Amino acid sequence: MRFLNKQSAVSRVEIQSYKRNRSIKVLKREAKFQIIENGFWKEEFIVEKKELKTLLKKLIRREFPRSHKLWVFKQVSE
């Protein structure tokens, strides 16, 4: 999450299961973060910086309960 905090432009981090059938996307939009969950549950959240870490931990435990290998993709848009 340090990557998203340092970026001033719109940026995105995507976490996928090893089989790439479930994912969590975190998009930075100005001062807020948009989290899109696509897997067992399909939900969308908009949270502040202080709520991001706890929500992300909860979603990772929920979407990837027994996964030991995850893909992490980072993208920065200018």
N, C-alpha and C. Protein backbone atom coordinates (compact mmCIF):
# COMPACT_ATOMS: atom_id res chain seq x y z
N MET A 1 0.81 -1.18 0.00
CA MET A 1 0.00 0.00 0.00
C MET A 1 0.86 1.26 0.00
N ARG A 2 2.13 1.11 0.33
CA ARG A 2 3.02 2.27 0.24
C ARG A 2 3.08 2.80 -1.18
N PHE A 3 2.98 1.90 -2.15
CA PHE A 3 3.00 2.29 -3.56
C PHE A 3 1.87 3.27 -3.86
N LEU A 4 0.67 2.98 -3.39
CA LEU A 4 -0.48 3.85 -3.65
C LEU A 4 -0.37 5.17 -2.91
N ASN A 5 0.17 5.16 -1.70
CA ASN A 5 0.30 6.40 -0.93
C ASN A 5 1.27 7.37 -1.58
N LYS A 6 2.30 6.86 -2.23
CA LYS A 6 3.32 7.72 -2.84
C LYS A 6 2.87 8.33 -4.17
N GLN A 7 1.90 7.71 -4.83
CA GLN A 7 1.48 8.17 -6.14
C GLN A 7 0.53 9.35 -6.03
N SER A 8 0.76 10.36 -6.86
CA SER A 8 -0.13 11.51 -6.87
C SER A 8 -1.21 11.36 -7.94
N ALA A 9 -0.89 10.65 -9.01
CA ALA A 9 -1.86 10.44 -10.08
C ALA A 9 -2.74 9.24 -9.75
N VAL A 10 -3.66 8.97 -10.64
CA VAL A 10 -4.51 7.80 -10.49
C VAL A 10 -3.64 6.56 -10.68
N SER A 11 -3.69 5.65 -9.73
CA SER A 11 -2.89 4.44 -9.83
C SER A 11 -3.73 3.25 -9.37
N ARG A 12 -3.23 2.05 -9.67
CA ARG A 12 -4.01 0.85 -9.40
C ARG A 12 -3.10 -0.30 -9.00
N VAL A 13 -3.57 -1.09 -8.04
CA VAL A 13 -2.91 -2.33 -7.66
C VAL A 13 -3.96 -3.43 -7.77
N GLU A 14 -3.59 -4.52 -8.41
CA GLU A 14 -4.51 -5.65 -8.55
C GLU A 14 -3.86 -6.88 -7.95
N ILE A 15 -4.58 -7.57 -7.07
CA ILE A 15 -4.12 -8.80 -6.44
C ILE A 15 -4.99 -9.92 -6.98
N GLN A 16 -4.35 -10.95 -7.56
CA GLN A 16 -5.10 -12.07 -8.12
C GLN A 16 -4.63 -13.38 -7.51
N SER A 17 -5.53 -14.36 -7.50
CA SER A 17 -5.14 -15.69 -7.06
C SER A 17 -4.19 -16.28 -8.10
N TYR A 18 -3.49 -17.33 -7.73
CA TYR A 18 -2.53 -17.93 -8.65
C TYR A 18 -3.23 -18.42 -9.92
N LYS A 19 -4.44 -18.94 -9.79
CA LYS A 19 -5.20 -19.40 -10.95
C LYS A 19 -5.84 -18.24 -11.70
N ARG A 20 -5.77 -17.05 -11.15
CA ARG A 20 -6.31 -15.81 -11.74
C ARG A 20 -7.83 -15.85 -11.92
N ASN A 21 -8.52 -16.57 -11.05
CA ASN A 21 -9.98 -16.60 -11.15
C ASN A 21 -10.65 -15.70 -10.12
N ARG A 22 -9.88 -15.15 -9.17
CA ARG A 22 -10.40 -14.21 -8.18
C ARG A 22 -9.45 -13.03 -8.10
N SER A 23 -10.00 -11.84 -7.83
CA SER A 23 -9.12 -10.67 -7.77
C SER A 23 -9.68 -9.60 -6.84
N ILE A 24 -8.77 -8.75 -6.38
CA ILE A 24 -9.10 -7.55 -5.62
C ILE A 24 -8.34 -6.41 -6.29
N LYS A 25 -9.05 -5.38 -6.72
CA LYS A 25 -8.43 -4.21 -7.34
C LYS A 25 -8.54 -3.03 -6.40
N VAL A 26 -7.44 -2.30 -6.24
CA VAL A 26 -7.43 -1.10 -5.40
C VAL A 26 -7.04 0.06 -6.31
N LEU A 27 -7.94 1.02 -6.46
CA LEU A 27 -7.69 2.19 -7.30
C LEU A 27 -7.63 3.43 -6.43
N LYS A 28 -6.62 4.25 -6.64
CA LYS A 28 -6.51 5.50 -5.89
C LYS A 28 -7.17 6.60 -6.70
N ARG A 29 -8.11 7.28 -6.07
CA ARG A 29 -8.82 8.39 -6.72
C ARG A 29 -8.77 9.58 -5.77
N GLU A 30 -7.89 10.52 -6.08
CA GLU A 30 -7.70 11.71 -5.25
C GLU A 30 -7.38 11.30 -3.81
N ALA A 31 -8.26 11.59 -2.85
CA ALA A 31 -7.98 11.28 -1.45
C ALA A 31 -8.61 9.97 -1.00
N LYS A 32 -9.42 9.36 -1.85
CA LYS A 32 -10.12 8.12 -1.48
C LYS A 32 -9.60 6.95 -2.31
N PHE A 33 -9.93 5.75 -1.85
CA PHE A 33 -9.54 4.53 -2.52
C PHE A 33 -10.78 3.73 -2.87
N GLN A 34 -10.81 3.22 -4.09
CA GLN A 34 -11.91 2.38 -4.54
C GLN A 34 -11.40 0.94 -4.57
N ILE A 35 -12.11 0.03 -3.90
CA ILE A 35 -11.73 -1.37 -3.86
C ILE A 35 -12.82 -2.18 -4.55
N ILE A 36 -12.42 -2.97 -5.55
CA ILE A 36 -13.35 -3.80 -6.29
C ILE A 36 -12.99 -5.26 -6.03
N GLU A 37 -13.93 -5.98 -5.45
CA GLU A 37 -13.73 -7.39 -5.13
C GLU A 37 -14.45 -8.22 -6.17
N ASN A 38 -13.74 -9.15 -6.80
CA ASN A 38 -14.32 -9.99 -7.84
C ASN A 38 -13.87 -11.43 -7.61
N GLY A 39 -14.73 -12.22 -6.99
CA GLY A 39 -14.37 -13.60 -6.67
C GLY A 39 -15.55 -14.30 -6.06
N PHE A 40 -15.39 -14.79 -4.82
CA PHE A 40 -16.51 -15.41 -4.11
C PHE A 40 -17.64 -14.39 -3.95
N TRP A 41 -17.28 -13.17 -3.64
CA TRP A 41 -18.24 -12.06 -3.53
C TRP A 41 -17.86 -11.01 -4.55
N LYS A 42 -18.86 -10.31 -5.06
CA LYS A 42 -18.62 -9.21 -6.00
C LYS A 42 -19.13 -7.94 -5.33
N GLU A 43 -18.20 -7.17 -4.77
CA GLU A 43 -18.57 -5.95 -4.05
C GLU A 43 -17.64 -4.83 -4.44
N GLU A 44 -18.06 -3.62 -4.14
CA GLU A 44 -17.26 -2.43 -4.40
C GLU A 44 -17.32 -1.53 -3.17
N PHE A 45 -16.16 -1.02 -2.77
CA PHE A 45 -16.05 -0.17 -1.59
C PHE A 45 -15.32 1.11 -1.96
N ILE A 46 -15.68 2.21 -1.31
CA ILE A 46 -14.92 3.46 -1.40
C ILE A 46 -14.57 3.85 0.02
N VAL A 47 -13.28 3.89 0.32
CA VAL A 47 -12.82 4.10 1.69
C VAL A 47 -11.75 5.18 1.75
N GLU A 48 -11.55 5.68 2.95
CA GLU A 48 -10.48 6.64 3.22
C GLU A 48 -9.18 5.88 3.46
N LYS A 49 -8.09 6.61 3.52
CA LYS A 49 -6.78 5.99 3.70
C LYS A 49 -6.68 5.22 5.02
N LYS A 50 -7.27 5.73 6.08
CA LYS A 50 -7.16 5.09 7.39
C LYS A 50 -7.92 3.77 7.46
N GLU A 51 -8.95 3.58 6.63
CA GLU A 51 -9.74 2.35 6.63
C GLU A 51 -9.21 1.31 5.65
N LEU A 52 -8.30 1.71 4.77
CA LEU A 52 -7.85 0.86 3.68
C LEU A 52 -7.17 -0.42 4.16
N LYS A 53 -6.25 -0.31 5.08
CA LYS A 53 -5.47 -1.47 5.50
C LYS A 53 -6.34 -2.55 6.15
N THR A 54 -7.23 -2.15 7.04
CA THR A 54 -8.07 -3.15 7.73
C THR A 54 -9.05 -3.82 6.76
N LEU A 55 -9.63 -3.05 5.86
CA LEU A 55 -10.56 -3.63 4.89
C LEU A 55 -9.83 -4.57 3.93
N LEU A 56 -8.65 -4.17 3.49
CA LEU A 56 -7.88 -5.00 2.57
C LEU A 56 -7.48 -6.32 3.21
N LYS A 57 -7.08 -6.29 4.47
CA LYS A 57 -6.74 -7.53 5.19
C LYS A 57 -7.96 -8.46 5.25
N LYS A 58 -9.11 -7.89 5.55
CA LYS A 58 -10.35 -8.67 5.63
C LYS A 58 -10.69 -9.31 4.28
N LEU A 59 -10.57 -8.53 3.21
CA LEU A 59 -10.90 -9.04 1.88
C LEU A 59 -9.92 -10.11 1.41
N ILE A 60 -8.64 -9.93 1.72
CA ILE A 60 -7.64 -10.93 1.32
C ILE A 60 -7.91 -12.25 2.04
N ARG A 61 -8.24 -12.19 3.33
CA ARG A 61 -8.56 -13.43 4.06
C ARG A 61 -9.81 -14.09 3.50
N ARG A 62 -10.77 -13.28 3.05
CA ARG A 62 -12.03 -13.81 2.53
C ARG A 62 -11.87 -14.38 1.12
N GLU A 63 -11.15 -13.70 0.26
CA GLU A 63 -11.00 -14.13 -1.13
C GLU A 63 -9.92 -15.19 -1.33
N PHE A 64 -8.86 -15.13 -0.54
CA PHE A 64 -7.74 -16.05 -0.72
C PHE A 64 -7.45 -16.81 0.58
N PRO A 65 -8.40 -17.61 1.07
CA PRO A 65 -8.24 -18.23 2.39
C PRO A 65 -7.09 -19.23 2.49
N ARG A 66 -6.82 -19.99 1.44
CA ARG A 66 -5.76 -20.99 1.49
C ARG A 66 -4.71 -20.77 0.41
N SER A 67 -4.65 -19.59 -0.14
CA SER A 67 -3.69 -19.30 -1.21
C SER A 67 -2.34 -18.92 -0.63
N HIS A 68 -1.31 -19.56 -1.13
CA HIS A 68 0.05 -19.23 -0.72
C HIS A 68 0.77 -18.43 -1.80
N LYS A 69 0.24 -18.48 -3.02
CA LYS A 69 0.83 -17.75 -4.14
C LYS A 69 -0.21 -16.78 -4.68
N LEU A 70 0.17 -15.52 -4.79
CA LEU A 70 -0.71 -14.49 -5.34
C LEU A 70 0.04 -13.69 -6.39
N TRP A 71 -0.66 -13.19 -7.36
CA TRP A 71 -0.11 -12.27 -8.35
C TRP A 71 -0.43 -10.85 -7.90
N VAL A 72 0.54 -9.94 -8.00
CA VAL A 72 0.32 -8.53 -7.66
C VAL A 72 0.78 -7.70 -8.86
N PHE A 73 -0.14 -6.91 -9.39
CA PHE A 73 0.15 -6.05 -10.54
C PHE A 73 -0.01 -4.60 -10.12
N LYS A 74 0.96 -3.76 -10.50
CA LYS A 74 0.91 -2.33 -10.21
C LYS A 74 0.82 -1.56 -11.52
N GLN A 75 0.01 -0.49 -11.53
CA GLN A 75 -0.14 0.32 -12.73
C GLN A 75 -0.31 1.78 -12.33
N VAL A 76 0.40 2.66 -13.03
CA VAL A 76 0.29 4.09 -12.79
C VAL A 76 -0.19 4.76 -14.06
N SER A 77 -1.23 5.58 -13.95
CA SER A 77 -1.74 6.35 -15.08
C SER A 77 -1.33 7.80 -14.88
N GLU A 78 -0.83 8.39 -15.90
CA GLU A 78 -0.40 9.79 -15.83
C GLU A 78 -1.55 10.72 -16.06
